[in-house]
Amino acid sequence: MTASGAVEQVSHLRLVGIGAGPANLSLAALLHGDSEQPNLFFDRKPSFTWHDDQLINGATLQVSIFKDLVSLSDPANRFSFLSYLHEHGRIYHFLNAQFSEVPRTEFRNYLAWAAEKNENVVFSESVERVEFDGVFRVTTDRRQVTADNIAVGVGTVPWVPEFALPYLGAGHFHVSRYLNHARGLAGKRVAVVGGGQSGAETFLDLISRPDSERPAWVSWISRRRNYFPIDDSTFTNDFYMPEYSEYFYRLSESKRAELNSAHLLSSDGISESTLRAIYQQLYRLQFIERDEHRFGLLPNRTVVSADRTATGAFEVTLRHNDETGQSQCLPVDAVVWATGFRPTPKSFLDPLKDRIETENGEVRVDEDFAVAWDGPPDRKIFVQNAVRGQRGLPDVNLSLNAWRAQRIANRLRGRSAPEMAMSFIDWSAKSGRGTRWTA
């Protein structure tokens, strides 16, 4: 997609967005049609993608459909999920389907629709560097534009242990490349490493394949002590409300790190439906098909090495995480690393690197996600999806996507947002709602 001719001719903008994933797409949607905020969002990919190689049949979204690009901030916005269903003539079908969880491919298609419908979102154009001389000079591989502000939303990149990097390829790959490589796993011994949702979906897919496509053996390895479900309960979900994000931001760095670790399963656990499907399939394999030699469940273990053998297979060494620390070797033909993602490097900001403040490896941001730097106060570098240490687990989750984008949009417009309804939970001792404090 390219921008419309009118936008293409604009050389100075109120905002340039770098990256067009869900975070910046939300901001682009909330700014769309505002003549006082001319904007353009660049993405180097040829077209929109969102974990496309992980869209395993049956994979579902772990958040509500209302946590789309705009609905929680601007329900009447034309880029809502409901608008997507309406434009495609399938609102009634969607309702009648009674999905308990939204198919992830459908949500991906919604995001692609929002990118395609927004003329201010441009693909196949890579931002090479950002400089500043009173305005931001954004140089792409096609042109240079200037802007009062920039919004960085380049997302994340796959992460695997350093010892695995030399072997990456068709038989040793990150889960983000799963559909591209999974067809070659039939009849092989496969290790799936990672105890979150991606690892669970991969394991389920492999053990559920027809005999002609199924691996000979699938081992599921996790550092966690068991295969834990996501905590999606009512009060836990208050961690994903704006008020908690504001409370979290004001805490000390050490306390924020402690809370992120303690509450990880509210974001990175496994859907109950996926766990149930896995258990039922294991039951079928072992007791109905009597094919118990098809799988191995290995929680509470850390992979410490994965070395290629002379035959081209791999020897995966595991260390048990109990007090014994015993090791075991697992011979496999292929390894799928469901080991998560890390923030994408932002080399295009190198010309400004010495002017930006950092905190524990992250750029430091204020309450509106604007970077602390030594530039003029009316020239902002906003960052999205890159400050989990300062804003908590929702920063890399869809839950507060629209709220965060609204905070940025309001900062650009110089206005305040209407107050959201407060949490039922009184997070801060300073507020004391409904409580009489005595000395």
Protein backbone atom coordinates (compact mmCIF):
# COMPACT_ATOMS: atom_id res chain seq x y z
CA MET A 1 0.00 0.00 0.00
CA THR A 2 1.14 3.55 -0.63
CA ALA A 3 -0.20 6.76 0.74
CA SER A 4 -2.62 8.87 -1.24
CA GLY A 5 -1.22 11.49 -3.56
CA ALA A 6 -2.29 14.29 -1.24
CA VAL A 7 -0.32 12.84 1.65
CA GLU A 8 2.63 11.90 -0.53
CA GLN A 9 3.11 15.59 -1.41
CA VAL A 10 3.29 16.71 2.23
CA SER A 11 6.90 17.39 3.24
CA HIS A 12 6.28 18.59 6.80
CA LEU A 13 4.00 16.71 9.17
CA ARG A 14 2.75 17.00 12.68
CA LEU A 15 3.72 13.37 13.29
CA VAL A 16 5.72 10.66 11.57
CA GLY A 17 5.14 7.13 12.79
CA ILE A 18 7.85 4.49 12.42
CA GLY A 19 6.34 1.02 12.26
CA ALA A 20 2.76 0.00 11.51
CA GLY A 21 1.99 -2.80 13.91
CA PRO A 22 -1.05 -2.75 16.23
CA ALA A 23 0.40 0.00 18.46
CA ASN A 24 1.02 2.59 15.76
CA LEU A 25 -2.03 1.46 13.79
CA SER A 26 -4.09 2.44 16.83
CA LEU A 27 -2.52 5.90 16.88
CA ALA A 28 -2.96 6.28 13.12
CA ALA A 29 -6.64 5.35 13.46
CA LEU A 30 -7.27 7.85 16.27
CA LEU A 31 -5.58 10.65 14.30
CA HIS A 32 -7.25 9.80 11.01
CA GLY A 33 -9.24 12.66 9.52
CA ASP A 34 -7.79 15.30 11.86
CA SER A 35 -6.62 18.05 9.49
CA GLU A 36 -4.65 19.69 12.31
CA GLN A 37 -2.55 16.57 12.81
CA PRO A 38 -1.16 15.60 9.39
CA ASN A 39 0.62 12.30 9.82
CA LEU A 40 2.31 9.50 7.95
CA PHE A 41 3.28 6.05 9.22
CA PHE A 42 6.06 4.06 7.54
CA ASP A 43 6.64 0.31 7.68
CA ARG A 44 9.41 -1.52 5.88
CA LYS A 45 7.38 -4.69 5.28
CA PRO A 46 5.78 -5.10 1.83
CA SER A 47 2.33 -5.40 3.45
CA PHE A 48 0.79 -5.81 6.86
CA THR A 49 1.71 -8.92 8.86
CA TRP A 50 1.02 -9.91 12.45
CA HIS A 51 2.62 -13.19 13.56
CA ASP A 52 1.45 -14.66 10.26
CA ASP A 53 3.62 -17.78 10.57
CA GLN A 54 2.07 -18.53 13.97
CA LEU A 55 -1.55 -18.49 12.83
CA ILE A 56 -2.06 -22.17 13.53
CA ASN A 57 -5.54 -23.46 12.81
CA GLY A 58 -7.61 -22.99 15.95
CA ALA A 59 -5.36 -20.34 17.54
CA THR A 60 -7.43 -17.72 19.36
CA LEU A 61 -7.03 -14.25 20.82
CA GLN A 62 -6.42 -14.06 24.57
CA VAL A 63 -8.16 -10.69 24.99
CA SER A 64 -11.66 -9.32 24.36
CA ILE A 65 -12.70 -8.12 20.90
CA PHE A 66 -13.30 -4.71 22.47
CA LYS A 67 -9.54 -4.41 22.93
CA ASP A 68 -9.16 -3.58 19.26
CA LEU A 69 -7.39 -0.53 17.81
CA VAL A 70 -9.89 2.09 18.95
CA SER A 71 -13.03 0.91 20.77
CA LEU A 72 -11.89 1.50 24.35
CA SER A 73 -10.94 5.10 23.51
CA ASP A 74 -13.21 6.06 20.60
CA PRO A 75 -16.07 3.56 20.14
CA ALA A 76 -17.51 5.43 17.14
CA ASN A 77 -14.22 5.34 15.24
CA ARG A 78 -14.44 3.88 11.71
CA PHE A 79 -11.50 1.55 12.42
CA SER A 80 -13.20 -0.54 15.09
CA PHE A 81 -13.55 -4.32 14.90
CA LEU A 82 -17.30 -3.85 14.68
CA SER A 83 -16.86 -1.56 11.65
CA TYR A 84 -14.69 -4.25 10.06
CA LEU A 85 -17.41 -6.87 10.54
CA HIS A 86 -20.05 -4.47 9.22
CA GLU A 87 -18.11 -3.55 6.10
CA HIS A 88 -17.62 -7.22 5.29
CA GLY A 89 -21.29 -8.03 5.85
CA ARG A 90 -20.81 -10.61 8.58
CA ILE A 91 -21.86 -9.08 11.89
CA TYR A 92 -24.76 -11.53 12.26
CA HIS A 93 -22.60 -14.47 11.28
CA PHE A 94 -20.00 -13.47 13.86
CA LEU A 95 -22.65 -13.20 16.56
CA ASN A 96 -24.26 -16.49 15.57
CA ALA A 97 -20.90 -18.26 15.68
CA GLN A 98 -20.79 -17.56 19.42
CA PHE A 99 -17.02 -17.58 19.61
CA SER A 100 -15.89 -17.88 23.20
CA GLU A 101 -12.51 -16.67 21.95
CA VAL A 102 -11.93 -14.74 18.74
CA PRO A 103 -9.98 -16.62 16.03
CA ARG A 104 -6.57 -15.01 15.85
CA THR A 105 -6.56 -15.08 12.06
CA GLU A 106 -9.79 -13.05 12.02
CA PHE A 107 -8.22 -10.42 14.27
CA ARG A 108 -5.12 -10.38 12.08
CA ASN A 109 -7.34 -9.79 9.04
CA TYR A 110 -9.06 -6.95 10.88
CA LEU A 111 -5.71 -5.29 11.56
CA ALA A 112 -4.71 -5.68 7.90
CA TRP A 113 -8.03 -4.10 6.86
CA ALA A 114 -7.39 -1.12 9.16
CA ALA A 115 -3.93 -0.65 7.65
CA GLU A 116 -5.28 -0.87 4.10
CA LYS A 117 -8.14 1.56 4.74
CA ASN A 118 -5.89 4.23 6.24
CA GLU A 119 -4.20 6.25 3.50
CA ASN A 120 -1.66 7.57 6.01
CA VAL A 121 -0.09 4.13 6.46
CA VAL A 122 2.66 3.30 3.96
CA PHE A 123 4.35 -0.08 3.47
CA SER A 124 7.53 -1.01 1.57
CA GLU A 125 9.30 2.07 2.91
CA SER A 126 12.04 1.73 5.49
CA VAL A 127 13.10 4.52 7.84
CA GLU A 128 16.89 4.67 7.78
CA ARG A 129 17.64 7.48 10.21
CA VAL A 130 16.07 10.26 12.26
CA GLU A 131 17.93 13.52 12.85
CA PHE A 132 16.91 16.73 14.58
CA ASP A 133 17.65 20.39 13.80
CA GLY A 134 14.59 22.10 15.24
CA VAL A 135 12.38 19.58 13.46
CA PHE A 136 12.77 15.85 13.05
CA ARG A 137 14.26 14.91 9.68
CA VAL A 138 13.12 11.42 8.83
CA THR A 139 15.03 9.79 6.00
CA THR A 140 13.57 6.68 4.38
CA ASP A 141 14.86 4.61 1.49
CA ARG A 142 12.62 6.73 -0.79
CA ARG A 143 12.56 10.30 0.54
CA GLN A 144 13.01 12.69 3.43
CA VAL A 145 10.19 14.33 5.40
CA THR A 146 10.20 16.58 8.43
CA ALA A 147 7.92 16.40 11.44
CA ASP A 148 7.24 18.11 14.74
CA ASN A 149 7.03 14.73 16.50
CA ILE A 150 7.71 11.06 15.87
CA ALA A 151 6.07 7.91 17.24
CA VAL A 152 8.16 4.75 17.32
CA GLY A 153 6.18 1.50 17.26
CA VAL A 154 8.44 -1.09 15.66
CA GLY A 155 7.38 -3.97 17.87
CA THR A 156 9.52 -6.96 18.76
CA VAL A 157 11.83 -9.53 17.19
CA PRO A 158 12.13 -13.27 17.92
CA TRP A 159 14.51 -14.32 20.69
CA VAL A 160 16.39 -17.60 21.07
CA PRO A 161 19.32 -18.46 23.34
CA GLU A 162 22.68 -17.43 21.96
CA PHE A 163 23.85 -21.04 21.71
CA ALA A 164 20.97 -21.77 19.30
CA LEU A 165 21.78 -18.99 16.82
CA PRO A 166 24.35 -20.93 14.71
CA TYR A 167 21.84 -23.68 13.97
CA LEU A 168 18.78 -21.67 12.95
CA GLY A 169 17.20 -23.04 9.81
CA ALA A 170 14.57 -25.49 8.59
CA GLY A 171 14.99 -27.97 11.46
CA HIS A 172 15.89 -25.54 14.22
CA PHE A 173 13.74 -22.43 14.28
CA HIS A 174 11.81 -19.87 16.30
CA VAL A 175 8.05 -20.36 16.54
CA SER A 176 7.56 -17.16 14.53
CA ARG A 177 8.61 -19.26 11.51
CA TYR A 178 6.46 -22.23 12.47
CA LEU A 179 4.06 -22.60 9.52
CA ASN A 180 6.92 -22.07 7.11
CA HIS A 181 8.89 -25.01 8.51
CA ALA A 182 6.36 -27.29 10.23
CA ARG A 183 5.59 -29.31 7.11
CA GLY A 184 9.04 -30.86 7.33
CA LEU A 185 8.57 -32.34 10.81
CA ALA A 186 6.62 -35.48 9.89
CA GLY A 187 8.23 -38.62 11.32
CA LYS A 188 10.86 -36.68 13.29
CA ARG A 189 11.64 -36.33 16.97
CA VAL A 190 10.77 -32.75 17.87
CA ALA A 191 11.44 -30.65 20.96
CA VAL A 192 9.17 -27.66 21.61
CA VAL A 193 10.85 -25.25 24.05
CA GLY A 194 8.64 -22.76 25.89
CA GLY A 195 5.76 -23.04 28.36
CA GLY A 196 3.61 -20.13 27.19
CA GLN A 197 0.72 -19.93 24.73
CA SER A 198 2.91 -20.24 21.62
CA GLY A 199 4.60 -23.38 22.92
CA ALA A 200 1.23 -24.86 23.85
CA GLU A 201 -0.29 -24.17 20.44
CA THR A 202 2.75 -25.67 18.71
CA PHE A 203 2.68 -28.81 20.85
CA LEU A 204 -1.07 -29.24 20.30
CA ASP A 205 -0.73 -28.82 16.55
CA LEU A 206 2.05 -31.37 16.26
CA ILE A 207 0.37 -34.10 18.35
CA SER A 208 -2.97 -33.57 16.59
CA ARG A 209 -1.78 -34.07 13.01
CA PRO A 210 -2.81 -37.02 10.86
CA ASP A 211 -0.47 -39.99 11.06
CA SER A 212 1.17 -39.14 7.74
CA GLU A 213 2.09 -35.64 9.01
CA ARG A 214 2.67 -36.29 12.69
CA PRO A 215 6.17 -36.30 14.20
CA ALA A 216 7.44 -39.56 15.63
CA TRP A 217 7.83 -37.94 19.05
CA VAL A 218 7.15 -34.50 20.50
CA SER A 219 8.67 -33.28 23.76
CA TRP A 220 7.35 -30.11 25.39
CA ILE A 221 9.94 -28.40 27.59
CA SER A 222 9.23 -25.56 29.99
CA ARG A 223 11.19 -23.78 32.71
CA ARG A 224 7.96 -23.36 34.66
CA ARG A 225 7.05 -25.96 37.24
CA ASN A 226 3.92 -26.92 35.33
CA TYR A 227 1.90 -25.84 32.28
CA PHE A 228 0.09 -22.96 33.91
CA PRO A 229 -3.10 -21.29 32.64
CA ILE A 230 -3.40 -17.59 31.98
CA ASP A 231 -4.92 -15.76 34.93
CA ASP A 232 -7.86 -14.07 33.23
CA SER A 233 -9.98 -13.61 36.35
CA THR A 234 -11.92 -10.44 37.06
CA PHE A 235 -9.71 -8.73 39.60
CA THR A 236 -6.50 -9.83 37.91
CA ASN A 237 -7.72 -8.02 34.80
CA ASP A 238 -7.57 -4.79 36.80
CA PHE A 239 -3.82 -4.97 36.11
CA TYR A 240 -4.83 -4.12 32.53
CA MET A 241 -6.76 -0.95 33.32
CA PRO A 242 -5.41 2.60 32.89
CA GLU A 243 -5.49 3.35 36.63
CA TYR A 244 -3.17 0.45 37.45
CA SER A 245 -0.80 1.46 34.66
CA GLU A 246 -0.58 4.93 36.19
CA TYR A 247 0.01 3.47 39.67
CA PHE A 248 2.67 1.08 38.32
CA TYR A 249 4.49 3.92 36.55
CA ARG A 250 4.98 5.77 39.85
CA LEU A 251 6.61 2.82 41.63
CA SER A 252 10.34 2.30 42.09
CA GLU A 253 12.27 0.41 39.42
CA SER A 254 12.86 -2.56 41.74
CA LYS A 255 9.19 -2.80 42.76
CA ARG A 256 8.05 -2.65 39.11
CA ALA A 257 10.39 -5.52 38.21
CA GLU A 258 9.10 -7.53 41.16
CA LEU A 259 5.46 -7.04 40.13
CA ASN A 260 6.11 -7.89 36.47
CA SER A 261 7.64 -11.19 37.57
CA ALA A 262 4.90 -11.95 40.10
CA HIS A 263 2.06 -11.28 37.65
CA LEU A 264 3.59 -12.81 34.52
CA LEU A 265 0.86 -15.44 34.19
CA SER A 266 -1.75 -12.71 33.83
CA SER A 267 -0.20 -12.07 30.42
CA ASP A 268 1.91 -15.08 29.47
CA GLY A 269 -0.09 -18.06 30.67
CA ILE A 270 -1.89 -20.58 28.47
CA SER A 271 -5.57 -20.32 27.56
CA GLU A 272 -7.75 -22.82 29.42
CA SER A 273 -9.24 -23.99 26.13
CA THR A 274 -5.78 -24.79 24.75
CA LEU A 275 -4.76 -26.72 27.87
CA ARG A 276 -8.01 -28.68 27.78
CA ALA A 277 -7.53 -29.53 24.09
CA ILE A 278 -3.97 -30.73 24.78
CA TYR A 279 -5.04 -32.94 27.67
CA GLN A 280 -7.89 -34.43 25.66
CA GLN A 281 -5.58 -35.18 22.74
CA LEU A 282 -3.05 -36.85 25.07
CA TYR A 283 -5.92 -38.97 26.43
CA ARG A 284 -6.89 -40.00 22.90
CA LEU A 285 -3.32 -40.89 22.00
CA GLN A 286 -2.58 -42.92 25.10
CA PHE A 287 -5.84 -44.61 25.94
CA ILE A 288 -7.87 -44.72 22.72
CA GLU A 289 -5.24 -44.99 20.00
CA ARG A 290 -2.86 -46.70 22.47
CA ASP A 291 0.00 -44.73 20.97
CA GLU A 292 1.61 -43.51 24.18
CA HIS A 293 5.08 -43.31 22.65
CA ARG A 294 4.30 -40.05 20.89
CA PHE A 295 4.93 -37.36 23.45
CA GLY A 296 6.91 -36.26 26.48
CA LEU A 297 6.05 -33.51 28.96
CA LEU A 298 9.12 -32.00 30.57
CA PRO A 299 8.32 -28.98 32.78
CA ASN A 300 10.67 -27.48 35.40
CA ARG A 301 13.67 -27.82 33.11
CA THR A 302 15.99 -25.32 31.48
CA VAL A 303 17.64 -25.97 28.12
CA VAL A 304 21.35 -25.25 28.62
CA SER A 305 22.62 -26.36 25.20
CA ALA A 306 21.52 -27.76 21.86
CA ASP A 307 24.40 -29.20 19.86
CA ARG A 308 24.32 -30.69 16.41
CA THR A 309 25.55 -34.29 16.24
CA ALA A 310 27.52 -35.99 13.50
CA THR A 311 24.27 -37.38 12.04
CA GLY A 312 22.73 -33.91 11.68
CA ALA A 313 20.38 -34.40 14.63
CA PHE A 314 20.56 -32.40 17.87
CA GLU A 315 21.43 -33.30 21.41
CA VAL A 316 19.46 -31.03 23.74
CA THR A 317 20.81 -30.84 27.28
CA LEU A 318 18.31 -30.05 30.03
CA ARG A 319 18.95 -29.04 33.63
CA HIS A 320 16.25 -29.84 36.13
CA ASN A 321 15.27 -26.77 38.14
CA ASP A 322 14.82 -28.57 41.46
CA GLU A 323 17.44 -28.74 44.20
CA THR A 324 19.29 -31.60 42.51
CA GLY A 325 20.04 -29.67 39.33
CA GLN A 326 20.38 -32.96 37.49
CA SER A 327 21.00 -32.94 33.75
CA GLN A 328 19.52 -35.07 31.03
CA CYS A 329 20.19 -35.34 27.30
CA LEU A 330 17.38 -35.42 24.78
CA PRO A 331 18.21 -36.59 21.23
CA VAL A 332 15.95 -34.87 18.69
CA ASP A 333 15.83 -34.15 14.98
CA ALA A 334 14.30 -30.66 15.27
CA VAL A 335 13.81 -27.89 17.81
CA VAL A 336 11.03 -25.28 17.86
CA TRP A 337 11.93 -22.33 20.09
CA ALA A 338 8.77 -20.78 21.56
CA THR A 339 10.96 -18.51 23.65
CA GLY A 340 9.34 -15.15 23.14
CA PHE A 341 10.37 -11.82 21.70
CA ARG A 342 12.51 -8.82 22.58
CA PRO A 343 12.13 -5.14 21.57
CA THR A 344 13.30 -4.45 18.04
CA PRO A 345 16.63 -2.55 17.81
CA LYS A 346 16.07 1.07 16.81
CA SER A 347 19.23 1.90 14.89
CA PHE A 348 17.41 4.67 13.00
CA LEU A 349 17.54 6.65 16.27
CA ASP A 350 21.35 6.42 16.50
CA PRO A 351 21.84 10.08 15.47
CA LEU A 352 19.84 11.02 18.61
CA LYS A 353 21.15 8.29 20.92
CA ASP A 354 23.36 10.56 23.05
CA ARG A 355 20.43 12.92 23.66
CA ILE A 356 18.02 10.31 25.01
CA GLU A 357 17.77 9.19 28.63
CA THR A 358 17.59 5.48 29.40
CA GLU A 359 16.56 3.35 32.37
CA ASN A 360 17.63 -0.26 32.78
CA GLY A 361 18.00 -0.76 29.04
CA GLU A 362 14.80 1.10 28.10
CA VAL A 363 14.34 4.66 26.95
CA ARG A 364 12.88 6.67 29.81
CA VAL A 365 9.35 7.94 29.15
CA ASP A 366 6.95 10.33 30.86
CA GLU A 367 3.30 9.72 31.70
CA ASP A 368 2.30 10.14 28.04
CA PHE A 369 4.98 7.79 26.64
CA ALA A 370 7.14 10.69 25.46
CA VAL A 371 10.88 10.04 25.68
CA ALA A 372 13.00 12.08 28.10
CA TRP A 373 15.58 13.83 25.91
CA ASP A 374 17.36 17.17 25.67
CA GLY A 375 15.33 18.52 22.75
CA PRO A 376 12.70 21.29 22.89
CA PRO A 377 9.69 20.46 25.09
CA ASP A 378 7.29 20.80 22.14
CA ARG A 379 9.16 18.23 20.04
CA LYS A 380 8.34 14.71 21.20
CA ILE A 381 9.65 11.21 20.56
CA PHE A 382 6.85 8.84 21.57
CA VAL A 383 7.55 5.14 21.98
CA GLN A 384 5.03 2.32 22.03
CA ASN A 385 5.35 -1.32 23.05
CA ALA A 386 8.90 -0.84 24.35
CA VAL A 387 8.79 0.13 28.05
CA ARG A 388 7.45 -2.88 29.93
CA GLY A 389 9.84 -2.14 32.77
CA GLN A 390 8.21 1.27 33.32
CA ARG A 391 4.60 0.55 32.33
CA GLY A 392 4.17 -3.11 33.18
CA LEU A 393 2.96 -6.19 31.33
CA PRO A 394 0.18 -4.36 29.42
CA ASP A 395 2.82 -2.42 27.49
CA VAL A 396 3.38 -5.42 25.20
CA ASN A 397 -0.24 -6.54 25.34
CA LEU A 398 -3.27 -5.40 23.32
CA SER A 399 -5.25 -4.47 26.44
CA LEU A 400 -4.15 -0.82 26.77
CA ASN A 401 -3.27 -0.28 23.12
CA ALA A 402 -6.10 2.18 22.40
CA TRP A 403 -5.69 3.97 25.73
CA ARG A 404 -1.95 4.51 25.21
CA ALA A 405 -2.52 5.77 21.67
CA GLN A 406 -5.18 8.13 22.98
CA ARG A 407 -2.74 9.53 25.52
CA ILE A 408 -0.30 10.28 22.71
CA ALA A 409 -3.00 11.75 20.46
CA ASN A 410 -4.21 14.00 23.26
CA ARG A 411 -0.67 15.18 23.95
CA LEU A 412 -0.33 16.15 20.29
CA ARG A 413 -3.65 18.00 20.40
CA GLY A 414 -2.91 19.72 23.68
CA ARG A 415 -5.99 18.39 25.39
CA SER A 416 -6.91 16.01 28.18
CA ALA A 417 -8.95 12.85 27.79
CA PRO A 418 -12.18 12.29 29.72
CA GLU A 419 -11.45 10.42 32.94
CA MET A 420 -12.00 6.68 32.68
CA ALA A 421 -14.07 5.01 35.40
CA MET A 422 -11.77 4.23 38.30
CA SER A 423 -10.83 0.70 39.26
CA PHE A 424 -12.82 -0.90 42.06
CA ILE A 425 -9.42 -1.55 43.63
CA ASP A 426 -7.67 1.23 45.55
CA TRP A 427 -4.08 0.67 44.37
CA SER A 428 -2.39 3.64 45.97
CA ALA A 429 -2.24 4.35 49.70
CA LYS A 430 -2.27 8.05 48.83
CA SER A 431 -5.84 8.05 47.54
CA GLY A 432 -7.53 6.35 50.47
CA ARG A 433 -10.91 6.12 48.74
CA GLY A 434 -13.51 4.89 51.21
CA THR A 435 -10.92 4.58 53.98
CA ARG A 436 -10.38 6.65 57.11
CA TRP A 437 -6.66 6.87 57.82
CA THR A 438 -5.46 7.51 61.37
CA ALA A 439 -2.01 8.30 62.64
